[in-house]
Amino acid sequence: MTKNIRNSIPEENTRCFTSHMGLYAMEPNHLVSALGMIQAGIDIELSAAEVEKRSKTYLEYSVIEGVAIVPITGSLTKRPSKYGGTSTVNARKIIRDAVSSKDVESLMLYVDSPGGQVRGTTELADEIRKASESKEVHAYIDDLGASAAYWAASQASRITMNKAGEVGSIGTLMLLYDMSESYAKDGIKPILIATGEYKGLGVPGVEVTESQIEYLQGKAEYTQKQFLEAVASGRGMSVENVKKLADGKTYNSEEALAYGLIDSVSTYEDALAALIGVSQEDKNTLRLRAETVQREIDLM
């Protein structure tokens, strides 16, 4: 028997996830997994302190030898989320703070993210591009830099990733449920009172029409155009060449290097050493400091 989605989602989960709805630039498997958890009624049990920690405005960054390490990890949302991840608004504040600091000579974006909301991504990408006009900005992709996360990373002057990593998933998506048949089966007939055909789009139990689907497809295509243009500009590629890679796939390090999506493949420590310009003898000390910062990022 098919599980009734509208009855299986806890009210608290619904309220939280509603704030995350809209157009996404996210690796689809990660988005489907998140939706699956919510549909199954799985919630994250957090203490009050942890909720406060995850929802606070994070305005700190680590500095190693004049390089500000800016974390862009987890799912990207415009505002802080109790599910963790990175708020693009907060990331922009971190970048501006680092650019204005006299102690910071360059920035390293530490990226490990499947992407996330479109809302806020354009502004984050613009912030990174603007920062690179005054200070050197590199991006290091550790395992995954997909969709919105790659959109942002593509604005750095150089992108390095680890050998086992993946980048890409250049595309936008939106998930909308047409639950009209489920409602009808239960003997429920929603009465929608709205001022236009698109005003009630997505209301539970109301049929989603072909023209409404076309309307949403237009929104996705409009955002995709901005996505393609940003990557083309950031990577010095033509829009047509980027479009050929915008099929939703993620690419391994060899493919990404061959297609021009990244500049090199190395460890995080070596990428950081290259940005700083340290000697071979100083690499061991730098490696220990980089590992400490990496552990701090993982605990966020």
Protein backbone atom coordinates (compact mmCIF):
# COMPACT_ATOMS: atom_id res chain seq x y z
CA MET A 1 0.00 0.00 0.00
CA THR A 2 1.33 3.46 -0.88
CA LYS A 3 2.14 5.58 2.13
CA ASN A 4 0.18 8.83 2.28
CA ILE A 5 2.90 11.48 2.14
CA ARG A 6 0.84 14.30 3.59
CA ASN A 7 -0.04 12.24 6.68
CA SER A 8 3.43 10.75 7.23
CA ILE A 9 5.47 13.95 7.56
CA PRO A 10 5.66 15.28 11.15
CA GLU A 11 4.38 18.85 11.42
CA GLU A 12 7.72 20.12 12.79
CA ASN A 13 9.60 18.57 9.87
CA THR A 14 7.14 20.09 7.41
CA ARG A 15 7.61 23.57 8.87
CA CYS A 16 11.39 23.26 8.80
CA PHE A 17 11.60 21.80 5.31
CA THR A 18 9.15 24.36 3.92
CA SER A 19 11.79 27.02 4.60
CA HIS A 20 14.14 25.04 2.34
CA MET A 21 11.74 24.62 -0.58
CA GLY A 22 12.10 26.25 -3.97
CA LEU A 23 14.56 25.86 -6.80
CA TYR A 24 17.68 23.80 -6.04
CA ALA A 25 21.13 23.49 -7.55
CA MET A 26 22.04 20.29 -5.77
CA GLU A 27 23.36 16.84 -6.58
CA PRO A 28 20.06 14.93 -7.00
CA ASN A 29 20.92 11.85 -4.92
CA HIS A 30 21.59 14.05 -1.90
CA LEU A 31 18.32 15.94 -2.38
CA VAL A 32 16.32 12.74 -2.80
CA SER A 33 17.92 11.29 0.35
CA ALA A 34 16.96 14.38 2.35
CA LEU A 35 13.40 14.22 1.05
CA GLY A 36 13.24 10.52 1.79
CA MET A 37 14.21 11.08 5.42
CA ILE A 38 11.51 13.70 5.89
CA GLN A 39 8.85 11.61 4.13
CA ALA A 40 9.74 8.66 6.37
CA GLY A 41 9.23 10.85 9.41
CA ILE A 42 12.89 10.88 10.38
CA ASP A 43 13.95 13.99 12.25
CA ILE A 44 17.23 15.09 13.74
CA GLU A 45 17.13 15.13 17.52
CA LEU A 46 19.21 18.10 18.64
CA SER A 47 19.82 19.66 22.00
CA ALA A 48 18.89 23.30 22.46
CA ALA A 49 22.59 24.19 22.50
CA GLU A 50 23.21 22.35 19.22
CA VAL A 51 20.22 24.04 17.54
CA GLU A 52 21.56 27.42 18.66
CA LYS A 53 25.05 26.52 17.41
CA ARG A 54 23.79 25.45 13.99
CA SER A 55 21.54 28.47 13.58
CA LYS A 56 23.95 31.16 14.76
CA THR A 57 25.67 33.60 12.46
CA TYR A 58 29.13 32.15 12.03
CA LEU A 59 31.59 34.99 11.51
CA GLU A 60 34.92 33.30 12.14
CA TYR A 61 37.55 31.85 9.87
CA SER A 62 40.95 30.31 10.43
CA VAL A 63 44.16 31.92 9.18
CA ILE A 64 47.27 29.94 8.23
CA GLU A 65 50.28 31.96 7.12
CA GLY A 66 48.11 34.81 5.86
CA VAL A 67 45.55 32.53 4.17
CA ALA A 68 41.96 32.70 5.41
CA ILE A 69 40.32 29.25 5.28
CA VAL A 70 36.63 29.75 4.43
CA PRO A 71 34.51 26.60 4.88
CA ILE A 72 31.72 25.91 2.36
CA THR A 73 30.51 22.52 3.54
CA GLY A 74 27.31 20.52 3.72
CA SER A 75 24.05 21.58 2.12
CA LEU A 76 23.88 25.25 1.15
CA THR A 77 20.92 27.28 2.37
CA LYS A 78 20.41 31.01 2.31
CA ARG A 79 19.76 31.19 6.06
CA PRO A 80 21.21 28.96 8.81
CA SER A 81 19.44 25.60 9.15
CA LYS A 82 19.02 23.27 12.11
CA TYR A 83 20.15 20.51 9.76
CA GLY A 84 23.60 22.13 9.56
CA GLY A 85 25.43 22.93 6.35
CA THR A 86 26.46 26.42 5.23
CA SER A 87 24.41 29.58 5.14
CA THR A 88 25.36 31.49 1.98
CA VAL A 89 24.55 34.76 3.74
CA ASN A 90 27.00 33.91 6.52
CA ALA A 91 29.63 32.71 4.06
CA ARG A 92 29.45 36.08 2.30
CA LYS A 93 30.02 37.84 5.63
CA ILE A 94 33.04 35.65 6.33
CA ILE A 95 34.52 36.42 2.92
CA ARG A 96 33.98 40.18 3.29
CA ASP A 97 35.56 40.09 6.75
CA ALA A 98 38.57 38.16 5.43
CA VAL A 99 39.03 40.53 2.49
CA SER A 100 38.98 43.57 4.76
CA SER A 101 41.46 42.05 7.27
CA LYS A 102 45.06 43.25 7.14
CA ASP A 103 46.15 39.85 8.46
CA VAL A 104 44.75 38.08 5.40
CA GLU A 105 46.72 38.05 2.16
CA SER A 106 44.65 35.44 0.30
CA LEU A 107 41.65 33.15 0.73
CA MET A 108 41.17 29.40 0.38
CA LEU A 109 37.60 28.16 0.00
CA TYR A 110 37.40 24.70 1.57
CA VAL A 111 34.53 23.05 -0.33
CA ASP A 112 32.83 19.76 0.48
CA SER A 113 29.20 20.18 -0.52
CA PRO A 114 26.47 18.65 -2.72
CA GLY A 115 25.08 22.14 -3.39
CA GLY A 116 21.74 23.38 -2.16
CA GLN A 117 19.30 26.22 -2.54
CA VAL A 118 19.51 28.51 -5.55
CA ARG A 119 18.45 31.38 -3.33
CA GLY A 120 21.62 33.06 -2.14
CA THR A 121 23.97 31.18 -4.48
CA THR A 122 24.23 33.93 -7.10
CA GLU A 123 25.12 36.42 -4.38
CA LEU A 124 27.74 34.09 -2.89
CA ALA A 125 29.32 33.54 -6.31
CA ASP A 126 29.37 37.30 -6.90
CA GLU A 127 30.99 37.82 -3.48
CA ILE A 128 33.77 35.36 -4.34
CA ARG A 129 34.35 36.98 -7.74
CA LYS A 130 34.49 40.42 -6.12
CA ALA A 131 36.93 39.16 -3.45
CA SER A 132 39.24 37.80 -6.15
CA GLU A 133 39.57 41.30 -7.57
CA SER A 134 41.44 42.45 -4.47
CA LYS A 135 42.99 39.27 -3.06
CA GLU A 136 44.00 35.87 -4.41
CA VAL A 137 41.13 33.41 -3.96
CA HIS A 138 41.62 29.67 -4.48
CA ALA A 139 39.12 26.84 -3.95
CA TYR A 140 39.91 23.36 -2.73
CA ILE A 141 37.28 20.69 -3.34
CA ASP A 142 37.54 17.86 -0.84
CA ASP A 143 35.47 14.91 -2.11
CA LEU A 144 32.50 16.84 -3.50
CA GLY A 145 31.87 20.20 -5.11
CA ALA A 146 28.52 19.84 -6.85
CA SER A 147 25.89 22.13 -8.29
CA ALA A 148 25.52 25.34 -6.21
CA ALA A 149 28.83 24.58 -4.46
CA TYR A 150 30.61 24.35 -7.81
CA TRP A 151 28.77 27.47 -9.01
CA ALA A 152 30.38 29.34 -6.11
CA ALA A 153 33.79 27.66 -6.41
CA SER A 154 34.00 28.41 -10.13
CA GLN A 155 34.46 32.09 -9.30
CA ALA A 156 37.79 31.44 -7.58
CA SER A 157 40.92 32.10 -9.61
CA ARG A 158 42.10 28.50 -9.15
CA ILE A 159 40.36 25.23 -8.27
CA THR A 160 42.15 22.18 -6.89
CA MET A 161 40.52 18.94 -5.81
CA ASN A 162 41.53 15.66 -4.24
CA LYS A 163 42.07 12.62 -6.44
CA ALA A 164 38.95 10.79 -5.21
CA GLY A 165 36.73 13.86 -5.45
CA GLU A 166 33.90 14.73 -7.79
CA VAL A 167 32.67 18.02 -9.23
CA GLY A 168 29.90 19.12 -11.54
CA SER A 169 26.19 18.30 -11.39
CA ILE A 170 25.71 21.59 -13.21
CA GLY A 171 21.96 21.99 -13.25
CA THR A 172 18.86 23.11 -11.38
CA LEU A 173 15.85 21.16 -10.16
CA MET A 174 12.59 21.52 -8.27
CA LEU A 175 10.40 18.82 -6.78
CA LEU A 176 6.64 19.33 -6.63
CA TYR A 177 4.07 16.76 -5.51
CA ASP A 178 0.71 16.48 -7.28
CA MET A 179 -1.37 14.85 -4.51
CA SER A 180 -4.76 15.50 -6.11
CA GLU A 181 -5.42 11.81 -6.80
CA SER A 182 -4.50 10.87 -3.23
CA TYR A 183 -6.90 13.48 -1.86
CA ALA A 184 -9.66 12.35 -4.20
CA LYS A 185 -9.18 8.75 -3.07
CA ASP A 186 -9.66 9.89 0.52
CA GLY A 187 -12.82 11.73 -0.45
CA ILE A 188 -11.27 15.16 0.05
CA LYS A 189 -11.89 17.91 -2.48
CA PRO A 190 -9.72 21.00 -1.86
CA ILE A 191 -11.38 24.28 -2.79
CA LEU A 192 -8.75 26.74 -3.93
CA ILE A 193 -9.63 30.42 -3.92
CA ALA A 194 -6.89 32.36 -5.68
CA THR A 195 -6.50 35.38 -7.94
CA GLY A 196 -4.71 33.60 -10.78
CA GLU A 197 -3.80 30.23 -12.24
CA TYR A 198 -0.32 30.24 -10.71
CA LYS A 199 -1.21 31.75 -7.33
CA GLY A 200 -2.20 28.41 -5.83
CA LEU A 201 0.55 26.39 -7.45
CA GLY A 202 1.69 23.57 -5.18
CA VAL A 203 -1.22 23.71 -2.74
CA PRO A 204 -1.67 20.12 -1.42
CA GLY A 205 -4.48 18.23 -3.15
CA VAL A 206 -4.84 20.68 -6.04
CA GLU A 207 -3.94 19.31 -9.47
CA VAL A 208 -0.76 20.61 -11.06
CA THR A 209 -1.52 21.63 -14.65
CA GLU A 210 0.72 21.40 -17.72
CA SER A 211 0.90 25.18 -17.99
CA GLN A 212 2.04 25.38 -14.36
CA ILE A 213 4.74 22.81 -15.05
CA GLU A 214 5.87 24.87 -18.06
CA TYR A 215 5.96 27.94 -15.82
CA LEU A 216 8.24 26.21 -13.31
CA GLN A 217 10.39 24.81 -16.11
CA GLY A 218 10.89 28.38 -17.30
CA LYS A 219 12.12 29.34 -13.84
CA ALA A 220 14.59 26.45 -13.87
CA GLU A 221 15.86 27.41 -17.35
CA TYR A 222 16.29 31.05 -16.34
CA THR A 223 18.39 30.06 -13.33
CA GLN A 224 20.34 27.56 -15.42
CA LYS A 225 21.28 30.36 -17.82
CA GLN A 226 22.81 32.32 -14.93
CA PHE A 227 24.57 29.18 -13.69
CA LEU A 228 26.12 28.46 -17.11
CA GLU A 229 27.22 32.07 -17.61
CA ALA A 230 28.85 32.19 -14.17
CA VAL A 231 30.82 28.98 -14.72
CA ALA A 232 31.83 30.08 -18.24
CA SER A 233 33.08 33.43 -16.93
CA GLY A 234 34.84 31.97 -13.90
CA ARG A 235 36.53 29.15 -15.80
CA GLY A 236 37.31 31.06 -18.99
CA MET A 237 35.13 28.75 -21.07
CA SER A 238 32.40 29.36 -23.62
CA VAL A 239 28.79 28.97 -22.51
CA GLU A 240 28.34 26.34 -25.20
CA ASN A 241 31.18 24.22 -23.81
CA VAL A 242 29.82 24.51 -20.27
CA LYS A 243 26.36 23.56 -21.56
CA LYS A 244 27.82 20.30 -22.90
CA LEU A 245 28.84 19.42 -19.33
CA ALA A 246 25.56 20.56 -17.79
CA ASP A 247 23.77 17.22 -17.93
CA GLY A 248 23.59 16.68 -14.18
CA LYS A 249 26.62 14.37 -14.06
CA THR A 250 29.44 14.68 -11.57
CA TYR A 251 32.95 14.18 -12.93
CA ASN A 252 35.95 12.53 -11.31
CA SER A 253 39.27 14.32 -10.94
CA GLU A 254 40.70 13.13 -14.27
CA GLU A 255 37.54 14.09 -16.17
CA ALA A 256 37.22 17.43 -14.39
CA LEU A 257 40.82 18.29 -15.22
CA ALA A 258 40.40 17.30 -18.87
CA TYR A 259 37.17 19.32 -19.23
CA GLY A 260 38.65 22.42 -17.59
CA LEU A 261 36.39 22.35 -14.54
CA ILE A 262 39.43 22.36 -12.23
CA ASP A 263 43.07 23.39 -12.51
CA SER A 264 44.90 20.65 -10.62
CA VAL A 265 44.62 17.53 -8.47
CA SER A 266 46.45 17.37 -5.15
CA THR A 267 46.04 17.06 -1.41
CA TYR A 268 44.56 19.93 0.58
CA GLU A 269 47.88 20.54 2.32
CA ASP A 270 49.79 20.76 -0.97
CA ALA A 271 47.19 23.11 -2.44
CA LEU A 272 47.52 25.32 0.62
CA ALA A 273 51.32 25.18 0.44
CA ALA A 274 51.20 26.23 -3.21
CA LEU A 275 49.00 29.23 -2.37
CA ILE A 276 51.27 30.27 0.50
CA GLY A 277 54.46 29.51 -1.41
CA VAL A 278 56.18 27.61 1.39
CA SER A 279 59.32 25.58 0.92
CA GLN A 280 59.39 21.78 0.97
CA GLU A 281 61.00 21.84 4.43
CA ASP A 282 58.09 23.81 5.90
CA LYS A 283 55.41 21.52 4.49
CA ASN A 284 55.31 19.16 7.48
CA THR A 285 54.57 21.99 9.91
CA LEU A 286 51.98 23.39 7.54
CA ARG A 287 50.39 19.96 7.17
CA LEU A 288 49.81 19.68 10.92
CA ARG A 289 48.20 23.12 11.08
CA ALA A 290 46.03 22.37 8.06
CA GLU A 291 44.86 19.09 9.60
CA THR A 292 43.89 20.92 12.79
CA VAL A 293 41.79 23.43 10.85
CA GLN A 294 40.23 20.63 8.84
CA ARG A 295 39.15 18.86 12.03
CA GLU A 296 37.60 22.12 13.28
CA ILE A 297 35.62 22.43 10.04
CA ASP A 298 34.39 18.83 10.34
CA LEU A 299 33.05 19.61 13.83
CA MET A 300 30.97 22.56 12.65
